[in-house]
Amino acid sequence: MEVFDTIVDVVAGVLMLAGSALALIAAIGLFRMPDAYSRIHVATKPATLAVVFTVTAALLRVPGLTSSTKLVLAIVLQFWTVPVASHMLGRAARDAGLEPAQEWVTDETGDA
């Protein structure tokens, strides 16, 4: 049982480091990207995975069904809400008249 606990600790540590690295990459990307659309992309894609990695690391270390259920619910809600929020931010940026840094090949957004 001691070897299993060590393996779980190592996996949780790797997941925590990966989540922290992805969050750092997302934070740096917010300053480096040229327009609102790129910033929305950079803020949502790696940050979502960072939260999932970090919560999964906590899930490996937290005892109890109640806490584990809440952590799994946090992961599920993250996958449900972040794409919708980023879509709405992009739509609001387009409606506000913000132009992308580069010209789009085709504009498929339309007036739905």
PDB file of N, CA and C in Angstrom:
ATOM      1  N   MET A   1       0.822  -1.194   0.000  1.00  0.00           N
ATOM      2  CA  MET A   1       0.000   0.000   0.000  1.00  0.00           C
ATOM      3  C   MET A   1       0.864   1.255   0.000  1.00  0.00           C
ATOM      4  N   GLU A   2       2.039   1.162   0.546  1.00  0.00           N
ATOM      5  CA  GLU A   2       2.939   2.309   0.612  1.00  0.00           C
ATOM      6  C   GLU A   2       3.423   2.714  -0.778  1.00  0.00           C
ATOM      7  N   VAL A   3       3.666   1.736  -1.645  1.00  0.00           N
ATOM      8  CA  VAL A   3       4.103   2.030  -3.011  1.00  0.00           C
ATOM      9  C   VAL A   3       2.974   2.718  -3.782  1.00  0.00           C
ATOM     10  N   PHE A   4       1.751   2.264  -3.590  1.00  0.00           N
ATOM     11  CA  PHE A   4       0.607   2.873  -4.259  1.00  0.00           C
ATOM     12  C   PHE A   4       0.438   4.332  -3.842  1.00  0.00           C
ATOM     13  N   ASP A   5       0.587   4.610  -2.557  1.00  0.00           N
ATOM     14  CA  ASP A   5       0.481   5.993  -2.075  1.00  0.00           C
ATOM     15  C   ASP A   5       1.567   6.872  -2.674  1.00  0.00           C
ATOM     16  N   THR A   6       2.754   6.334  -2.823  1.00  0.00           N
ATOM     17  CA  THR A   6       3.848   7.093  -3.428  1.00  0.00           C
ATOM     18  C   THR A   6       3.547   7.398  -4.892  1.00  0.00           C
ATOM     19  N   ILE A   7       3.032   6.418  -5.607  1.00  0.00           N
ATOM     20  CA  ILE A   7       2.690   6.625  -7.022  1.00  0.00           C
ATOM     21  C   ILE A   7       1.586   7.675  -7.157  1.00  0.00           C
ATOM     22  N   VAL A   8       0.575   7.606  -6.306  1.00  0.00           N
ATOM     23  CA  VAL A   8      -0.511   8.590  -6.340  1.00  0.00           C
ATOM     24  C   VAL A   8       0.024   9.985  -6.029  1.00  0.00           C
ATOM     25  N   ASP A   9       0.941  10.090  -5.069  1.00  0.00           N
ATOM     26  CA  ASP A   9       1.546  11.387  -4.742  1.00  0.00           C
ATOM     27  C   ASP A   9       2.321  11.952  -5.926  1.00  0.00           C
ATOM     28  N   VAL A  10       3.068  11.099  -6.605  1.00  0.00           N
ATOM     29  CA  VAL A  10       3.853  11.553  -7.757  1.00  0.00           C
ATOM     30  C   VAL A  10       2.927  12.003  -8.888  1.00  0.00           C
ATOM     31  N   VAL A  11       1.898  11.223  -9.176  1.00  0.00           N
ATOM     32  CA  VAL A  11       0.956  11.591 -10.241  1.00  0.00           C
ATOM     33  C   VAL A  11       0.243  12.896  -9.889  1.00  0.00           C
ATOM     34  N   ALA A  12      -0.173  13.042  -8.641  1.00  0.00           N
ATOM     35  CA  ALA A  12      -0.834  14.282  -8.217  1.00  0.00           C
ATOM     36  C   ALA A  12       0.117  15.466  -8.330  1.00  0.00           C
ATOM     37  N   GLY A  13       1.367  15.270  -7.980  1.00  0.00           N
ATOM     38  CA  GLY A  13       2.347  16.346  -8.107  1.00  0.00           C
ATOM     39  C   GLY A  13       2.591  16.748  -9.552  1.00  0.00           C
ATOM     40  N   VAL A  14       2.678  15.755 -10.428  1.00  0.00           N
ATOM     41  CA  VAL A  14       2.876  16.050 -11.856  1.00  0.00           C
ATOM     42  C   VAL A  14       1.667  16.797 -12.416  1.00  0.00           C
ATOM     43  N   LEU A  15       0.469  16.361 -12.049  1.00  0.00           N
ATOM     44  CA  LEU A  15      -0.737  17.056 -12.503  1.00  0.00           C
ATOM     45  C   LEU A  15      -0.788  18.490 -11.975  1.00  0.00           C
ATOM     46  N   MET A  16      -0.389  18.677 -10.729  1.00  0.00           N
ATOM     47  CA  MET A  16      -0.381  20.020 -10.153  1.00  0.00           C
ATOM     48  C   MET A  16       0.626  20.914 -10.864  1.00  0.00           C
ATOM     49  N   LEU A  17       1.802  20.382 -11.153  1.00  0.00           N
ATOM     50  CA  LEU A  17       2.808  21.164 -11.885  1.00  0.00           C
ATOM     51  C   LEU A  17       2.346  21.474 -13.305  1.00  0.00           C
ATOM     52  N   ALA A  18       1.731  20.500 -13.960  1.00  0.00           N
ATOM     53  CA  ALA A  18       1.226  20.736 -15.317  1.00  0.00           C
ATOM     54  C   ALA A  18       0.120  21.787 -15.311  1.00  0.00           C
ATOM     55  N   GLY A  19      -0.767  21.715 -14.337  1.00  0.00           N
ATOM     56  CA  GLY A  19      -1.821  22.718 -14.226  1.00  0.00           C
ATOM     57  C   GLY A  19      -1.264  24.102 -13.956  1.00  0.00           C
ATOM     58  N   SER A  20      -0.256  24.176 -13.107  1.00  0.00           N
ATOM     59  CA  SER A  20       0.372  25.469 -12.819  1.00  0.00           C
ATOM     60  C   SER A  20       1.081  26.018 -14.045  1.00  0.00           C
ATOM     61  N   ALA A  21       1.751  25.158 -14.792  1.00  0.00           N
ATOM     62  CA  ALA A  21       2.446  25.606 -16.004  1.00  0.00           C
ATOM     63  C   ALA A  21       1.448  26.113 -17.046  1.00  0.00           C
ATOM     64  N   LEU A  22       0.340  25.414 -17.213  1.00  0.00           N
ATOM     65  CA  LEU A  22      -0.677  25.861 -18.165  1.00  0.00           C
ATOM     66  C   LEU A  22      -1.304  27.185 -17.740  1.00  0.00           C
ATOM     67  N   ALA A  23      -1.526  27.362 -16.450  1.00  0.00           N
ATOM     68  CA  ALA A  23      -2.068  28.637 -15.969  1.00  0.00           C
ATOM     69  C   ALA A  23      -1.079  29.766 -16.215  1.00  0.00           C
ATOM     70  N   LEU A  24       0.203  29.498 -16.026  1.00  0.00           N
ATOM     71  CA  LEU A  24       1.231  30.506 -16.292  1.00  0.00           C
ATOM     72  C   LEU A  24       1.287  30.843 -17.781  1.00  0.00           C
ATOM     73  N   ILE A  25       1.197  29.828 -18.625  1.00  0.00           N
ATOM     74  CA  ILE A  25       1.196  30.058 -20.076  1.00  0.00           C
ATOM     75  C   ILE A  25      -0.012  30.907 -20.477  1.00  0.00           C
ATOM     76  N   ALA A  26      -1.168  30.623 -19.891  1.00  0.00           N
ATOM     77  CA  ALA A  26      -2.365  31.414 -20.195  1.00  0.00           C
ATOM     78  C   ALA A  26      -2.190  32.860 -19.744  1.00  0.00           C
ATOM     79  N   ALA A  27      -1.588  33.062 -18.586  1.00  0.00           N
ATOM     80  CA  ALA A  27      -1.379  34.423 -18.088  1.00  0.00           C
ATOM     81  C   ALA A  27      -0.403  35.192 -18.968  1.00  0.00           C
ATOM     82  N   ILE A  28       0.653  34.542 -19.394  1.00  0.00           N
ATOM     83  CA  ILE A  28       1.615  35.200 -20.286  1.00  0.00           C
ATOM     84  C   ILE A  28       0.958  35.505 -21.628  1.00  0.00           C
ATOM     85  N   GLY A  29       0.162  34.576 -22.113  1.00  0.00           N
ATOM     86  CA  GLY A  29      -0.514  34.772 -23.391  1.00  0.00           C
ATOM     87  C   GLY A  29      -1.473  35.946 -23.391  1.00  0.00           C
ATOM     88  N   LEU A  30      -2.073  36.239 -22.247  1.00  0.00           N
ATOM     89  CA  LEU A  30      -2.971  37.387 -22.168  1.00  0.00           C
ATOM     90  C   LEU A  30      -2.245  38.690 -22.475  1.00  0.00           C
ATOM     91  N   PHE A  31      -0.985  38.771 -22.093  1.00  0.00           N
ATOM     92  CA  PHE A  31      -0.206  39.981 -22.357  1.00  0.00           C
ATOM     93  C   PHE A  31       0.416  39.985 -23.745  1.00  0.00           C
ATOM     94  N   ARG A  32       0.614  38.823 -24.321  1.00  0.00           N
ATOM     95  CA  ARG A  32       1.322  38.733 -25.594  1.00  0.00           C
ATOM     96  C   ARG A  32       0.420  38.796 -26.822  1.00  0.00           C
ATOM     97  N   MET A  33      -0.826  38.441 -26.684  1.00  0.00           N
ATOM     98  CA  MET A  33      -1.714  38.382 -27.844  1.00  0.00           C
ATOM     99  C   MET A  33      -2.146  39.778 -28.289  1.00  0.00           C
ATOM    100  N   PRO A  34      -2.324  39.958 -29.605  1.00  0.00           N
ATOM    101  CA  PRO A  34      -2.551  41.301 -30.133  1.00  0.00           C
ATOM    102  C   PRO A  34      -3.991  41.818 -30.049  1.00  0.00           C
ATOM    103  N   ASP A  35      -4.986  40.930 -29.996  1.00  0.00           N
ATOM    104  CA  ASP A  35      -6.361  41.421 -30.025  1.00  0.00           C
ATOM    105  C   ASP A  35      -7.235  40.652 -29.036  1.00  0.00           C
ATOM    106  N   ALA A  36      -8.463  41.120 -28.893  1.00  0.00           N
ATOM    107  CA  ALA A  36      -9.379  40.539 -27.912  1.00  0.00           C
ATOM    108  C   ALA A  36      -9.708  39.087 -28.229  1.00  0.00           C
ATOM    109  N   TYR A  37      -9.821  38.761 -29.493  1.00  0.00           N
ATOM    110  CA  TYR A  37     -10.192  37.397 -29.877  1.00  0.00           C
ATOM    111  C   TYR A  37      -9.091  36.393 -29.514  1.00  0.00           C
ATOM    112  N   SER A  38      -7.865  36.776 -29.754  1.00  0.00           N
ATOM    113  CA  SER A  38      -6.740  35.909 -29.385  1.00  0.00           C
ATOM    114  C   SER A  38      -6.631  35.783 -27.874  1.00  0.00           C
ATOM    115  N   ARG A  39      -6.891  36.864 -27.172  1.00  0.00           N
ATOM    116  CA  ARG A  39      -6.834  36.825 -25.707  1.00  0.00           C
ATOM    117  C   ARG A  39      -7.930  35.934 -25.132  1.00  0.00           C
ATOM    118  N   ILE A  40      -9.108  35.982 -25.743  1.00  0.00           N
ATOM    119  CA  ILE A  40     -10.192  35.105 -25.288  1.00  0.00           C
ATOM    120  C   ILE A  40      -9.782  33.646 -25.468  1.00  0.00           C
ATOM    121  N   HIS A  41      -9.190  33.341 -26.614  1.00  0.00           N
ATOM    122  CA  HIS A  41      -8.743  31.973 -26.884  1.00  0.00           C
ATOM    123  C   HIS A  41      -7.696  31.532 -25.869  1.00  0.00           C
ATOM    124  N   VAL A  42      -6.716  32.406 -25.636  1.00  0.00           N
ATOM    125  CA  VAL A  42      -5.627  32.065 -24.722  1.00  0.00           C
ATOM    126  C   VAL A  42      -6.115  31.971 -23.280  1.00  0.00           C
ATOM    127  N   ALA A  43      -7.120  32.739 -22.930  1.00  0.00           N
ATOM    128  CA  ALA A  43      -7.615  32.705 -21.557  1.00  0.00           C
ATOM    129  C   ALA A  43      -8.489  31.494 -21.284  1.00  0.00           C
ATOM    130  N   THR A  44      -9.078  30.911 -22.310  1.00  0.00           N
ATOM    131  CA  THR A  44     -10.009  29.816 -22.064  1.00  0.00           C
ATOM    132  C   THR A  44      -9.415  28.433 -22.292  1.00  0.00           C
ATOM    133  N   LYS A  45      -8.684  28.242 -23.361  1.00  0.00           N
ATOM    134  CA  LYS A  45      -8.214  26.888 -23.683  1.00  0.00           C
ATOM    135  C   LYS A  45      -7.220  26.349 -22.649  1.00  0.00           C
ATOM    136  N   PRO A  46      -6.064  26.982 -22.455  1.00  0.00           N
ATOM    137  CA  PRO A  46      -5.136  26.415 -21.476  1.00  0.00           C
ATOM    138  C   PRO A  46      -5.621  26.558 -20.043  1.00  0.00           C
ATOM    139  N   ALA A  47      -6.370  27.614 -19.754  1.00  0.00           N
ATOM    140  CA  ALA A  47      -6.840  27.803 -18.383  1.00  0.00           C
ATOM    141  C   ALA A  47      -7.837  26.719 -17.986  1.00  0.00           C
ATOM    142  N   THR A  48      -8.667  26.289 -18.917  1.00  0.00           N
ATOM    143  CA  THR A  48      -9.601  25.203 -18.630  1.00  0.00           C
ATOM    144  C   THR A  48      -8.849  23.924 -18.303  1.00  0.00           C
ATOM    145  N   LEU A  49      -7.871  23.605 -19.109  1.00  0.00           N
ATOM    146  CA  LEU A  49      -7.079  22.404 -18.854  1.00  0.00           C
ATOM    147  C   LEU A  49      -6.279  22.536 -17.560  1.00  0.00           C
ATOM    148  N   ALA A  50      -5.826  23.736 -17.247  1.00  0.00           N
ATOM    149  CA  ALA A  50      -5.093  23.958 -15.996  1.00  0.00           C
ATOM    150  C   ALA A  50      -5.979  23.668 -14.793  1.00  0.00           C
ATOM    151  N   VAL A  51      -7.212  24.133 -14.839  1.00  0.00           N
ATOM    152  CA  VAL A  51      -8.141  23.870 -13.736  1.00  0.00           C
ATOM    153  C   VAL A  51      -8.439  22.378 -13.640  1.00  0.00           C
ATOM    154  N   VAL A  52      -8.623  21.731 -14.769  1.00  0.00           N
ATOM    155  CA  VAL A  52      -8.912  20.294 -14.755  1.00  0.00           C
ATOM    156  C   VAL A  52      -7.735  19.516 -14.171  1.00  0.00           C
ATOM    157  N   PHE A  53      -6.519  19.840 -14.579  1.00  0.00           N
ATOM    158  CA  PHE A  53      -5.344  19.155 -14.027  1.00  0.00           C
ATOM    159  C   PHE A  53      -5.228  19.384 -12.526  1.00  0.00           C
ATOM    160  N   THR A  54      -5.412  20.616 -12.094  1.00  0.00           N
ATOM    161  CA  THR A  54      -5.269  20.941 -10.680  1.00  0.00           C
ATOM    162  C   THR A  54      -6.351  20.267  -9.842  1.00  0.00           C
ATOM    163  N   VAL A  55      -7.574  20.290 -10.319  1.00  0.00           N
ATOM    164  CA  VAL A  55      -8.666  19.653  -9.577  1.00  0.00           C
ATOM    165  C   VAL A  55      -8.500  18.135  -9.583  1.00  0.00           C
ATOM    166  N   THR A  56      -8.008  17.576 -10.671  1.00  0.00           N
ATOM    167  CA  THR A  56      -7.748  16.132 -10.708  1.00  0.00           C
ATOM    168  C   THR A  56      -6.659  15.751  -9.713  1.00  0.00           C
ATOM    169  N   ALA A  57      -5.643  16.589  -9.586  1.00  0.00           N
ATOM    170  CA  ALA A  57      -4.605  16.335  -8.581  1.00  0.00           C
ATOM    171  C   ALA A  57      -5.199  16.355  -7.179  1.00  0.00           C
ATOM    172  N   ALA A  58      -6.078  17.306  -6.925  1.00  0.00           N
ATOM    173  CA  ALA A  58      -6.742  17.350  -5.620  1.00  0.00           C
ATOM    174  C   ALA A  58      -7.643  16.138  -5.431  1.00  0.00           C
ATOM    175  N   LEU A  59      -8.274  15.710  -6.510  1.00  0.00           N
ATOM    176  CA  LEU A  59      -9.167  14.554  -6.454  1.00  0.00           C
ATOM    177  C   LEU A  59      -8.412  13.288  -6.043  1.00  0.00           C
ATOM    178  N   LEU A  60      -7.178  13.173  -6.487  1.00  0.00           N
ATOM    179  CA  LEU A  60      -6.372  12.005  -6.122  1.00  0.00           C
ATOM    180  C   LEU A  60      -5.994  12.003  -4.645  1.00  0.00           C
ATOM    181  N   ARG A  61      -5.906  13.174  -4.041  1.00  0.00           N
ATOM    182  CA  ARG A  61      -5.428  13.261  -2.672  1.00  0.00           C
ATOM    183  C   ARG A  61      -6.522  13.439  -1.630  1.00  0.00           C
ATOM    184  N   VAL A  62      -7.743  13.804  -2.050  1.00  0.00           N
ATOM    185  CA  VAL A  62      -8.811  14.090  -1.092  1.00  0.00           C
ATOM    186  C   VAL A  62      -9.561  12.806  -0.760  1.00  0.00           C
ATOM    187  N   PRO A  63      -9.644  12.484   0.520  1.00  0.00           N
ATOM    188  CA  PRO A  63     -10.437  11.307   0.887  1.00  0.00           C
ATOM    189  C   PRO A  63     -11.914  11.676   1.017  1.00  0.00           C
ATOM    190  N   GLY A  64     -12.753  10.713   0.817  1.00  0.00           N
ATOM    191  CA  GLY A  64     -14.180  10.932   1.039  1.00  0.00           C
ATOM    192  C   GLY A  64     -14.963  11.120  -0.240  1.00  0.00           C
ATOM    193  N   LEU A  65     -16.146  10.559  -0.240  1.00  0.00           N
ATOM    194  CA  LEU A  65     -17.008  10.607  -1.412  1.00  0.00           C
ATOM    195  C   LEU A  65     -17.600  11.997  -1.631  1.00  0.00           C
ATOM    196  N   THR A  66     -17.926  12.695  -0.563  1.00  0.00           N
ATOM    197  CA  THR A  66     -18.546  14.015  -0.696  1.00  0.00           C
ATOM    198  C   THR A  66     -17.603  15.006  -1.362  1.00  0.00           C
ATOM    199  N   SER A  67     -16.373  15.050  -0.907  1.00  0.00           N
ATOM    200  CA  SER A  67     -15.393  15.965  -1.496  1.00  0.00           C
ATOM    201  C   SER A  67     -15.073  15.574  -2.932  1.00  0.00           C
ATOM    202  N   SER A  68     -14.948  14.286  -3.174  1.00  0.00           N
ATOM    203  CA  SER A  68     -14.655  13.821  -4.530  1.00  0.00           C
ATOM    204  C   SER A  68     -15.789  14.162  -5.489  1.00  0.00           C
ATOM    205  N   THR A  69     -17.013  14.028  -5.026  1.00  0.00           N
ATOM    206  CA  THR A  69     -18.165  14.368  -5.863  1.00  0.00           C
ATOM    207  C   THR A  69     -18.162  15.846  -6.221  1.00  0.00           C
ATOM    208  N   LYS A  70     -17.836  16.691  -5.263  1.00  0.00           N
ATOM    209  CA  LYS A  70     -17.777  18.132  -5.526  1.00  0.00           C
ATOM    210  C   LYS A  70     -16.672  18.469  -6.520  1.00  0.00           C
ATOM    211  N   LEU A  71     -15.546  17.791  -6.423  1.00  0.00           N
ATOM    212  CA  LEU A  71     -14.448  18.052  -7.352  1.00  0.00           C
ATOM    213  C   LEU A  71     -14.795  17.591  -8.766  1.00  0.00           C
ATOM    214  N   VAL A  72     -15.434  16.443  -8.883  1.00  0.00           N
ATOM    215  CA  VAL A  72     -15.866  15.971 -10.205  1.00  0.00           C
ATOM    216  C   VAL A  72     -16.899  16.933 -10.785  1.00  0.00           C
ATOM    217  N   LEU A  73     -17.795  17.423  -9.956  1.00  0.00           N
ATOM    218  CA  LEU A  73     -18.780  18.404 -10.408  1.00  0.00           C
ATOM    219  C   LEU A  73     -18.096  19.687 -10.884  1.00  0.00           C
ATOM    220  N   ALA A  74     -17.038  20.089 -10.206  1.00  0.00           N
ATOM    221  CA  ALA A  74     -16.290  21.282 -10.630  1.00  0.00           C
ATOM    222  C   ALA A  74     -15.681  21.085 -12.014  1.00  0.00           C
ATOM    223  N   ILE A  75     -15.159  19.896 -12.279  1.00  0.00           N
ATOM    224  CA  ILE A  75     -14.582  19.612 -13.599  1.00  0.00           C
ATOM    225  C   ILE A  75     -15.671  19.636 -14.674  1.00  0.00           C
ATOM    226  N   VAL A  76     -16.792  18.996 -14.400  1.00  0.00           N
ATOM    227  CA  VAL A  76     -17.887  18.959 -15.374  1.00  0.00           C
ATOM    228  C   VAL A  76     -18.406  20.366 -15.657  1.00  0.00           C
ATOM    229  N   LEU A  77     -18.598  21.154 -14.623  1.00  0.00           N
ATOM    230  CA  LEU A  77     -19.081  22.522 -14.814  1.00  0.00           C
ATOM    231  C   LEU A  77     -18.070  23.372 -15.568  1.00  0.00           C
ATOM    232  N   GLN A  78     -16.807  23.113 -15.351  1.00  0.00           N
ATOM    233  CA  GLN A  78     -15.766  23.843 -16.085  1.00  0.00           C
ATOM    234  C   GLN A  78     -15.897  23.576 -17.587  1.00  0.00           C
ATOM    235  N   PHE A  79     -16.089  22.328 -17.952  1.00  0.00           N
ATOM    236  CA  PHE A  79     -16.221  21.989 -19.370  1.00  0.00           C
ATOM    237  C   PHE A  79     -17.527  22.502 -19.973  1.00  0.00           C
ATOM    238  N   TRP A  80     -18.556  22.671 -19.170  1.00  0.00           N
ATOM    239  CA  TRP A  80     -19.828  23.181 -19.681  1.00  0.00           C
ATOM    240  C   TRP A  80     -19.847  24.692 -19.804  1.00  0.00           C
ATOM    241  N   THR A  81     -19.283  25.394 -18.836  1.00  0.00           N
ATOM    242  CA  THR A  81     -19.464  26.843 -18.788  1.00  0.00           C
ATOM    243  C   THR A  81     -18.408  27.630 -19.542  1.00  0.00           C
ATOM    244  N   VAL A  82     -17.177  27.186 -19.564  1.00  0.00           N
ATOM    245  CA  VAL A  82     -16.110  27.973 -20.189  1.00  0.00           C
ATOM    246  C   VAL A  82     -16.307  28.133 -21.699  1.00  0.00           C
ATOM    247  N   PRO A  83     -16.659  27.101 -22.455  1.00  0.00           N
ATOM    248  CA  PRO A  83     -16.893  27.330 -23.887  1.00  0.00           C
ATOM    249  C   PRO A  83     -18.032  28.315 -24.160  1.00  0.00           C
ATOM    250  N   VAL A  84     -19.085  28.237 -23.370  1.00  0.00           N
ATOM    251  CA  VAL A  84     -20.205  29.159 -23.558  1.00  0.00           C
ATOM    252  C   VAL A  84     -19.777  30.584 -23.229  1.00  0.00           C
ATOM    253  N   ALA A  85     -19.045  30.749 -22.134  1.00  0.00           N
ATOM    254  CA  ALA A  85     -18.593  32.087 -21.741  1.00  0.00           C
ATOM    255  C   ALA A  85     -17.645  32.678 -22.778  1.00  0.00           C
ATOM    256  N   SER A  86     -16.726  31.875 -23.295  1.00  0.00           N
ATOM    257  CA  SER A  86     -15.791  32.406 -24.295  1.00  0.00           C
ATOM    258  C   SER A  86     -16.518  32.744 -25.594  1.00  0.00           C
ATOM    259  N   HIS A  87     -17.508  31.951 -25.950  1.00  0.00           N
ATOM    260  CA  HIS A  87     -18.305  32.262 -27.137  1.00  0.00           C
ATOM    261  C   HIS A  87     -19.043  33.587 -26.961  1.00  0.00           C
ATOM    262  N   MET A  88     -19.621  33.781 -25.794  1.00  0.00           N
ATOM    263  CA  MET A  88     -20.364  35.017 -25.545  1.00  0.00           C
ATOM    264  C   MET A  88     -19.428  36.227 -25.493  1.00  0.00           C
ATOM    265  N   LEU A  89     -18.230  36.061 -24.959  1.00  0.00           N
ATOM    266  CA  LEU A  89     -17.256  37.160 -24.969  1.00  0.00           C
ATOM    267  C   LEU A  89     -16.839  37.514 -26.389  1.00  0.00           C
ATOM    268  N   GLY A  90     -16.605  36.505 -27.205  1.00  0.00           N
ATOM    269  CA  GLY A  90     -16.249  36.756 -28.595  1.00  0.00           C
ATOM    270  C   GLY A  90     -17.376  37.425 -29.359  1.00  0.00           C
ATOM    271  N   ARG A  91     -18.591  36.983 -29.102  1.00  0.00           N
ATOM    272  CA  ARG A  91     -19.751  37.586 -29.754  1.00  0.00           C
ATOM    273  C   ARG A  91     -19.924  39.042 -29.313  1.00  0.00           C
ATOM    274  N   ALA A  92     -19.720  39.309 -28.025  1.00  0.00           N
ATOM    275  CA  ALA A  92     -19.829  40.684 -27.528  1.00  0.00           C
ATOM    276  C   ALA A  92     -18.732  41.566 -28.115  1.00  0.00           C
ATOM    277  N   ALA A  93     -17.530  41.014 -28.266  1.00  0.00           N
ATOM    278  CA  ALA A  93     -16.440  41.786 -28.873  1.00  0.00           C
ATOM    279  C   ALA A  93     -16.766  42.115 -30.322  1.00  0.00           C
ATOM    280  N   ARG A  94     -17.332  41.167 -31.043  1.00  0.00           N
ATOM    281  CA  ARG A  94     -17.707  41.416 -32.435  1.00  0.00           C
ATOM    282  C   ARG A  94     -18.834  42.438 -32.520  1.00  0.00           C
ATOM    283  N   ASP A  95     -19.819  42.305 -31.646  1.00  0.00           N
ATOM    284  CA  ASP A  95     -20.936  43.250 -31.650  1.00  0.00           C
ATOM    285  C   ASP A  95     -20.501  44.659 -31.257  1.00  0.00           C
ATOM    286  N   ALA A  96     -19.447  44.753 -30.440  1.00  0.00           N
ATOM    287  CA  ALA A  96     -18.930  46.065 -30.037  1.00  0.00           C
ATOM    288  C   ALA A  96     -18.072  46.694 -31.125  1.00  0.00           C
ATOM    289  N   GLY A  97     -17.794  45.939 -32.177  1.00  0.00           N
ATOM    290  CA  GLY A  97     -17.034  46.482 -33.297  1.00  0.00           C
ATOM    291  C   GLY A  97     -15.534  46.316 -33.181  1.00  0.00           C
ATOM    292  N   LEU A  98     -15.076  45.464 -32.279  1.00  0.00           N
ATOM    293  CA  LEU A  98     -13.636  45.229 -32.164  1.00  0.00           C
ATOM    294  C   LEU A  98     -13.144  44.446 -33.378  1.00  0.00           C
ATOM    295  N   GLU A  99     -12.111  44.936 -33.989  1.00  0.00           N
ATOM    296  CA  GLU A  99     -11.550  44.296 -35.175  1.00  0.00           C
ATOM    297  C   GLU A  99     -10.437  43.334 -34.768  1.00  0.00           C
ATOM    298  N   PRO A 100     -10.322  42.208 -35.455  1.00  0.00           N
ATOM    299  CA  PRO A 100      -9.201  41.299 -35.187  1.00  0.00           C
ATOM    300  C   PRO A 100      -7.894  41.899 -35.693  1.00  0.00           C
ATOM    301  N   ALA A 101      -6.791  41.420 -35.148  1.00  0.00           N
ATOM    302  CA  ALA A 101      -5.481  41.932 -35.550  1.00  0.00           C
ATOM    303  C   ALA A 101      -5.183  41.578 -37.001  1.00  0.00           C
ATOM    304  N   GLN A 102      -5.624  40.412 -37.450  1.00  0.00           N
ATOM    305  CA  GLN A 102      -5.444  39.995 -38.838  1.00  0.00           C
ATOM    306  C   GLN A 102      -6.812  39.900 -39.496  1.00  0.00           C
ATOM    307  N   GLU A 103      -6.827  40.072 -40.795  1.00  0.00           N
ATOM    308  CA  GLU A 103      -8.089  39.961 -41.524  1.00  0.00           C
ATOM    309  C   GLU A 103      -8.491  38.489 -41.607  1.00  0.00           C
ATOM    310  N   TRP A 104      -9.750  38.194 -41.311  1.00  0.00           N
ATOM    311  CA  TRP A 104     -10.244  36.837 -41.416  1.00  0.00           C
ATOM    312  C   TRP A 104     -10.454  36.481 -42.873  1.00  0.00           C
ATOM    313  N   VAL A 105     -10.228  35.218 -43.185  1.00  0.00           N
ATOM    314  CA  VAL A 105     -10.450  34.768 -44.552  1.00  0.00           C
ATOM    315  C   VAL A 105     -11.942  34.813 -44.868  1.00  0.00           C
ATOM    316  N   THR A 106     -12.751  34.252 -43.996  1.00  0.00           N
ATOM    317  CA  THR A 106     -14.205  34.318 -44.151  1.00  0.00           C
ATOM    318  C   THR A 106     -14.815  34.673 -42.805  1.00  0.00           C
ATOM    319  N   ASP A 107     -15.887  35.412 -42.838  1.00  0.00           N
ATOM    320  CA  ASP A 107     -16.615  35.752 -41.623  1.00  0.00           C
ATOM    321  C   ASP A 107     -17.875  34.906 -41.580  1.00  0.00           C
ATOM    322  N   GLU A 108     -17.853  33.871 -40.754  1.00  0.00           N
ATOM    323  CA  GLU A 108     -18.974  32.942 -40.675  1.00  0.00           C
ATOM    324  C   GLU A 108     -19.919  33.269 -39.529  1.00  0.00           C
ATOM    325  N   THR A 109     -19.704  34.400 -38.882  1.00  0.00           N
ATOM    326  CA  THR A 109     -20.525  34.698 -37.715  1.00  0.00           C
ATOM    327  C   THR A 109     -21.931  35.109 -38.089  1.00  0.00           C
ATOM    328  N   GLY A 110     -22.097  35.962 -39.075  1.00  0.00           N
ATOM    329  CA  GLY A 110     -23.426  36.354 -39.529  1.00  0.00           C
ATOM    330  C   GLY A 110     -24.246  37.036 -38.447  1.00  0.00           C
ATOM    331  N   ASP A 111     -25.462  37.340 -38.765  1.00  0.00           N
ATOM    332  CA  ASP A 111     -26.385  37.944 -37.815  1.00  0.00           C
ATOM    333  C   ASP A 111     -27.443  36.929 -37.424  1.00  0.00           C
ATOM    334  N   ALA A 112     -27.046  35.940 -36.673  1.00  0.00           N
ATOM    335  CA  ALA A 112     -27.960  34.871 -36.281  1.00  0.00           C
ATOM    336  C   ALA A 112     -28.940  35.331 -35.236  1.00  0.00           C
TER     337      ALA A 112
END
